[in-house]
């Protein structure tokens, strides 16, 4: 479940607060916002939320997001997800097997429109290696930068003959957190790289937030999530719709797969 939880943290920057430009009094493109990440070993979960109008005076006639008939189709079989409230739908019985290289389709009706999407589950990253499992470093003191010495980057490598997209996250697993930067409170406890199509990534020492045991997750992702991630990572002052692979909706329905590594950061 940690893989799905981590991915959800990466994708909630703007997804649930999608806005639209004013189009005149009473006009509003009322479509659902979908969020779902399918990963082997995890039950399927789909979250549906309302799109937020830029003009609060517009009238919305949205369906009840907690009483939709959410269907996932794979291998020619339809599965109806179970509503859990607040727009959340789950395969609570574990009837749907999420398998690499398998195709999954999403279907439901919202405001009399067919909302659909399709994704494929990537393979788990192959031939994954890391250059170090333990590194030692001093706590970085911003008031005395000349006295700070740092170890070499930690290199993560993997096979990628098809030039697929990958990204890496780093999260400390300790309960008592000791920051790498002295007296700091990191704005984000998780470091996330940008999606890349290469075969390696160097994790610089300052990309770790805290000393102790850290978890490194290498995600194999689909192109639709790479576009979605990069759009959220950029700032914009306009009201353009974010990229989406949902027909008659917004958001993301995508497959992911991952491998997990561990490293211990020892404070000198």
Protein backbone atom coordinates (compact mmCIF):
# COMPACT_ATOMS: atom_id res chain seq x y z
CA UNK A 1 0.00 0.00 0.00
CA UNK A 2 2.99 2.30 0.50
CA UNK A 3 3.57 2.55 -3.26
CA UNK A 4 0.02 3.75 -3.89
CA UNK A 5 0.14 6.15 -0.92
CA UNK A 6 3.38 7.67 -2.16
CA UNK A 7 1.99 8.11 -5.64
CA UNK A 8 -1.12 9.82 -4.34
CA UNK A 9 1.05 12.33 -2.50
CA UNK A 10 2.83 13.18 -5.74
CA UNK A 11 -0.36 13.82 -7.69
CA UNK A 12 -2.56 16.00 -5.48
CA UNK A 13 -1.04 19.42 -6.21
CA UNK A 14 -3.83 20.65 -8.46
CA UNK A 15 -5.96 17.66 -9.38
CA UNK A 16 -8.76 18.17 -6.87
CA UNK A 17 -9.03 21.92 -7.38
CA UNK A 18 -9.34 22.11 -11.15
CA UNK A 19 -10.82 25.43 -12.27
CA UNK A 20 -12.16 26.84 -15.48
CA UNK A 21 -12.36 30.28 -17.02
CA UNK A 22 -15.49 32.37 -16.84
CA UNK A 23 -17.61 31.65 -19.88
CA UNK A 24 -20.54 33.90 -19.05
CA UNK A 25 -23.29 33.76 -16.46
CA UNK A 26 -24.50 30.24 -15.71
CA UNK A 27 -22.12 28.50 -18.12
CA UNK A 28 -19.96 25.74 -16.65
CA UNK A 29 -18.43 22.65 -18.19
CA UNK A 30 -19.48 20.29 -15.40
CA UNK A 31 -17.31 17.17 -15.72
CA UNK A 32 -15.94 14.77 -13.09
CA UNK A 33 -12.34 14.71 -11.89
CA UNK A 34 -10.94 11.17 -11.70
CA UNK A 35 -7.89 9.91 -9.82
CA UNK A 36 -6.77 6.28 -9.97
CA UNK A 37 -3.40 4.49 -9.93
CA UNK A 38 -3.39 0.77 -10.68
CA UNK A 39 -0.48 -1.23 -9.31
CA UNK A 40 0.15 -4.99 -9.01
CA UNK A 41 -0.48 -6.29 -5.51
CA UNK A 42 -2.96 -3.52 -4.64
CA UNK A 43 -6.74 -3.33 -4.83
CA UNK A 44 -8.12 -0.96 -7.44
CA UNK A 45 -9.35 2.36 -6.07
CA UNK A 46 -10.99 5.16 -8.06
CA UNK A 47 -11.68 8.60 -6.60
CA UNK A 48 -14.18 10.92 -8.28
CA UNK A 49 -14.49 14.57 -7.28
CA UNK A 50 -16.23 17.68 -8.55
CA UNK A 51 -14.61 20.19 -10.84
CA UNK A 52 -14.46 23.59 -9.15
CA UNK A 53 -15.92 26.51 -11.14
CA UNK A 54 -13.80 29.65 -11.34
CA UNK A 55 -16.96 31.72 -11.04
CA UNK A 56 -18.69 30.73 -7.79
CA UNK A 57 -21.99 32.17 -9.04
CA UNK A 58 -22.44 29.54 -11.75
CA UNK A 59 -24.99 26.79 -11.24
CA UNK A 60 -23.81 23.19 -11.21
CA UNK A 61 -26.15 20.27 -11.79
CA UNK A 62 -23.61 17.57 -11.01
CA UNK A 63 -24.55 13.99 -10.24
CA UNK A 64 -23.95 12.66 -6.75
CA UNK A 65 -20.31 11.55 -6.89
CA UNK A 66 -20.89 8.97 -4.14
CA UNK A 67 -23.65 7.13 -6.04
CA UNK A 68 -22.10 6.41 -9.42
CA UNK A 69 -21.79 3.01 -11.07
CA UNK A 70 -18.03 2.75 -11.55
CA UNK A 71 -17.04 -0.13 -13.84
CA UNK A 72 -13.54 -1.46 -14.54
CA UNK A 73 -13.16 -3.83 -17.49
CA UNK A 74 -10.24 -6.19 -18.03
CA UNK A 75 -9.95 -9.45 -19.92
CA UNK A 76 -13.48 -9.00 -21.25
CA UNK A 77 -15.03 -9.01 -17.74
CA UNK A 78 -16.85 -6.09 -16.14
CA UNK A 79 -16.34 -5.37 -12.42
CA UNK A 80 -18.53 -2.92 -10.50
CA UNK A 81 -16.55 -1.12 -7.79
CA UNK A 82 -18.00 -0.71 -4.30
CA UNK A 83 -18.72 2.86 -3.11
CA UNK A 84 -16.92 3.79 0.10
CA UNK A 85 -18.29 7.34 0.41
CA UNK A 86 -16.89 10.76 -0.51
CA UNK A 87 -16.51 9.76 -4.17
CA UNK A 88 -14.25 6.79 -3.39
CA UNK A 89 -14.87 3.45 -5.11
CA UNK A 90 -12.87 0.29 -4.41
CA UNK A 91 -12.51 -3.34 -5.38
CA UNK A 92 -12.87 -4.24 -1.70
CA UNK A 93 -13.25 -7.96 -2.43
CA UNK A 94 -10.03 -8.12 -4.43
CA UNK A 95 -11.77 -9.60 -7.48
CA UNK A 96 -9.63 -7.74 -10.01
CA UNK A 97 -6.06 -8.93 -10.49
CA UNK A 98 -3.74 -6.11 -11.53
CA UNK A 99 -1.14 -7.70 -13.78
CA UNK A 100 1.78 -6.26 -15.81
CA UNK A 101 1.13 -5.81 -19.53
CA UNK A 102 -2.63 -6.07 -18.98
CA UNK A 103 -5.16 -3.48 -20.14
CA UNK A 104 -7.82 -1.92 -17.89
CA UNK A 105 -10.70 0.32 -18.90
CA UNK A 106 -12.79 2.64 -16.77
CA UNK A 107 -16.46 3.36 -17.54
CA UNK A 108 -19.23 5.30 -15.80
CA UNK A 109 -22.00 7.77 -16.60
CA UNK A 110 -21.86 11.34 -15.28
CA UNK A 111 -24.44 13.94 -16.22
CA UNK A 112 -25.69 11.64 -19.01
CA UNK A 113 -22.22 11.41 -20.58
CA UNK A 114 -20.07 8.28 -20.89
CA UNK A 115 -16.82 8.85 -18.96
CA UNK A 116 -14.09 6.47 -20.12
CA UNK A 117 -10.37 5.85 -19.94
CA UNK A 118 -7.91 3.04 -20.66
CA UNK A 119 -4.47 2.22 -19.34
CA UNK A 120 -1.93 -0.60 -19.35
CA UNK A 121 0.13 -1.81 -16.39
CA UNK A 122 3.90 -1.39 -16.94
CA UNK A 123 6.39 -4.08 -16.03
CA UNK A 124 8.26 -3.86 -12.74
CA UNK A 125 11.62 -2.09 -13.16
CA UNK A 126 14.31 -4.58 -14.22
CA UNK A 127 17.98 -4.97 -13.23
CA UNK A 128 17.75 -2.29 -10.53
CA UNK A 129 20.97 -1.48 -8.67
CA UNK A 130 22.17 1.14 -6.20
CA UNK A 131 25.76 2.25 -5.70
CA UNK A 132 25.51 2.45 -1.88
CA UNK A 133 23.30 1.12 0.88
CA UNK A 134 24.96 3.19 3.62
CA UNK A 135 26.46 6.68 3.41
CA UNK A 136 27.92 8.98 6.04
CA UNK A 137 27.50 12.72 5.96
CA UNK A 138 27.64 15.73 8.22
CA UNK A 139 24.61 17.81 9.03
CA UNK A 140 24.60 20.76 6.67
CA UNK A 141 25.00 24.08 8.48
CA UNK A 142 23.79 27.02 6.35
CA UNK A 143 25.66 29.41 8.66
CA UNK A 144 28.96 27.67 7.97
CA UNK A 145 28.79 26.35 4.38
CA UNK A 146 32.57 26.13 4.03
CA UNK A 147 32.69 23.47 6.73
CA UNK A 148 30.20 21.19 5.00
CA UNK A 149 31.55 18.11 3.23
CA UNK A 150 29.23 15.78 1.37
CA UNK A 151 29.62 12.21 0.04
CA UNK A 152 29.29 11.23 -3.60
CA UNK A 153 25.79 10.90 -5.07
CA UNK A 154 23.97 7.58 -4.79
CA UNK A 155 23.47 6.17 -8.29
CA UNK A 156 20.34 4.18 -9.11
CA UNK A 157 20.42 2.22 -12.39
CA UNK A 158 17.94 0.03 -14.27
CA UNK A 159 17.32 -1.47 -17.71
CA UNK A 160 15.26 0.57 -20.16
CA UNK A 161 15.66 -0.62 -23.74
CA UNK A 162 12.24 0.80 -24.73
CA UNK A 163 13.00 4.29 -23.34
CA UNK A 164 9.96 4.17 -21.06
CA UNK A 165 9.31 6.74 -18.34
CA UNK A 166 10.59 6.35 -14.79
CA UNK A 167 10.73 8.53 -11.71
CA UNK A 168 12.33 8.17 -8.27
CA UNK A 169 11.10 9.18 -4.83
CA UNK A 170 12.95 9.26 -1.51
CA UNK A 171 11.26 9.21 1.91
CA UNK A 172 12.69 8.83 5.41
CA UNK A 173 11.18 5.99 7.46
CA UNK A 174 12.31 7.16 10.91
CA UNK A 175 9.84 8.36 13.54
CA UNK A 176 12.29 10.74 15.21
CA UNK A 177 13.37 12.93 12.32
CA UNK A 178 16.79 14.58 12.28
CA UNK A 179 17.02 16.95 9.29
CA UNK A 180 19.97 16.90 6.92
CA UNK A 181 19.95 20.71 6.94
CA UNK A 182 20.48 21.99 10.48
CA UNK A 183 17.39 23.49 12.18
CA UNK A 184 15.31 23.10 9.02
CA UNK A 185 11.73 21.98 8.52
CA UNK A 186 11.49 20.67 4.94
CA UNK A 187 8.45 21.93 3.04
CA UNK A 188 8.04 18.46 1.57
CA UNK A 189 9.17 15.28 3.33
CA UNK A 190 9.35 13.41 0.01
CA UNK A 191 11.84 14.09 -2.74
CA UNK A 192 10.52 13.27 -6.22
CA UNK A 193 12.53 13.39 -9.42
CA UNK A 194 11.06 14.44 -12.74
CA UNK A 195 10.06 11.63 -15.13
CA UNK A 196 13.01 10.51 -17.24
CA UNK A 197 13.52 8.03 -20.08
CA UNK A 198 17.11 7.13 -19.21
CA UNK A 199 18.64 4.24 -17.28
CA UNK A 200 20.11 5.95 -14.23
CA UNK A 201 19.61 8.73 -11.72
CA UNK A 202 22.04 10.28 -9.26
CA UNK A 203 20.49 11.07 -5.88
CA UNK A 204 22.47 14.00 -4.54
CA UNK A 205 23.10 14.03 -0.75
CA UNK A 206 20.93 17.11 -0.28
CA UNK A 207 18.00 15.31 -1.90
CA UNK A 208 17.70 13.29 1.31
CA UNK A 209 15.59 15.14 3.87
CA UNK A 210 16.55 13.29 7.05
CA UNK A 211 19.18 11.01 8.56
CA UNK A 212 18.39 7.36 9.26
CA UNK A 213 16.70 4.70 7.14
CA UNK A 214 15.37 6.03 3.84
CA UNK A 215 13.22 4.32 1.25
CA UNK A 216 13.96 4.82 -2.45
CA UNK A 217 11.16 3.86 -4.84
CA UNK A 218 11.77 3.56 -8.58
CA UNK A 219 8.47 3.89 -10.47
CA UNK A 220 7.86 2.62 -14.00
CA UNK A 221 5.14 4.96 -15.28
CA UNK A 222 3.07 5.49 -18.41
CA UNK A 223 3.37 8.49 -20.77
CA UNK A 224 0.01 9.87 -19.61
CA UNK A 225 1.27 10.23 -16.06
CA UNK A 226 4.56 11.77 -17.20
CA UNK A 227 2.60 14.52 -18.99
CA UNK A 228 0.28 14.94 -16.01
CA UNK A 229 3.19 15.14 -13.55
CA UNK A 230 5.16 17.68 -15.59
CA UNK A 231 2.07 19.90 -16.01
CA UNK A 232 1.49 19.94 -12.25
CA UNK A 233 5.15 20.64 -11.55
CA UNK A 234 5.03 23.80 -13.69
CA UNK A 235 3.35 27.02 -12.59
CA UNK A 236 0.79 28.85 -14.70
CA UNK A 237 -1.21 32.01 -14.24
CA UNK A 238 -3.88 31.07 -16.77
CA UNK A 239 -6.85 28.78 -16.41
CA UNK A 240 -6.05 26.16 -19.01
CA UNK A 241 -7.27 22.67 -18.28
CA UNK A 242 -4.52 20.28 -17.13
CA UNK A 243 -3.73 17.29 -19.37
CA UNK A 244 -5.94 14.27 -18.82
CA UNK A 245 -6.55 10.81 -20.26
CA UNK A 246 -10.20 10.83 -19.18
CA UNK A 247 -12.82 11.13 -21.95
CA UNK A 248 -15.62 13.50 -20.84
CA UNK A 249 -13.72 14.17 -17.63
CA UNK A 250 -10.48 15.36 -16.09
CA UNK A 251 -7.76 13.72 -14.04
CA UNK A 252 -5.77 10.53 -14.44
CA UNK A 253 -6.43 6.78 -14.75
CA UNK A 254 -3.07 5.09 -15.09
CA UNK A 255 -1.01 2.00 -14.34
CA UNK A 256 2.23 2.02 -12.35
CA UNK A 257 4.77 -0.51 -11.16
CA UNK A 258 7.71 -0.07 -8.82
CA UNK A 259 10.72 -1.50 -7.05
CA UNK A 260 11.82 -0.42 -3.57
CA UNK A 261 15.37 0.08 -2.30
CA UNK A 262 16.68 1.15 1.09
CA UNK A 263 19.60 3.24 2.24
CA UNK A 264 20.81 4.38 5.66
CA UNK A 265 22.13 7.92 6.10
CA UNK A 266 24.49 8.06 9.08
CA UNK A 267 25.23 11.41 10.71
CA UNK A 268 28.94 12.00 11.26
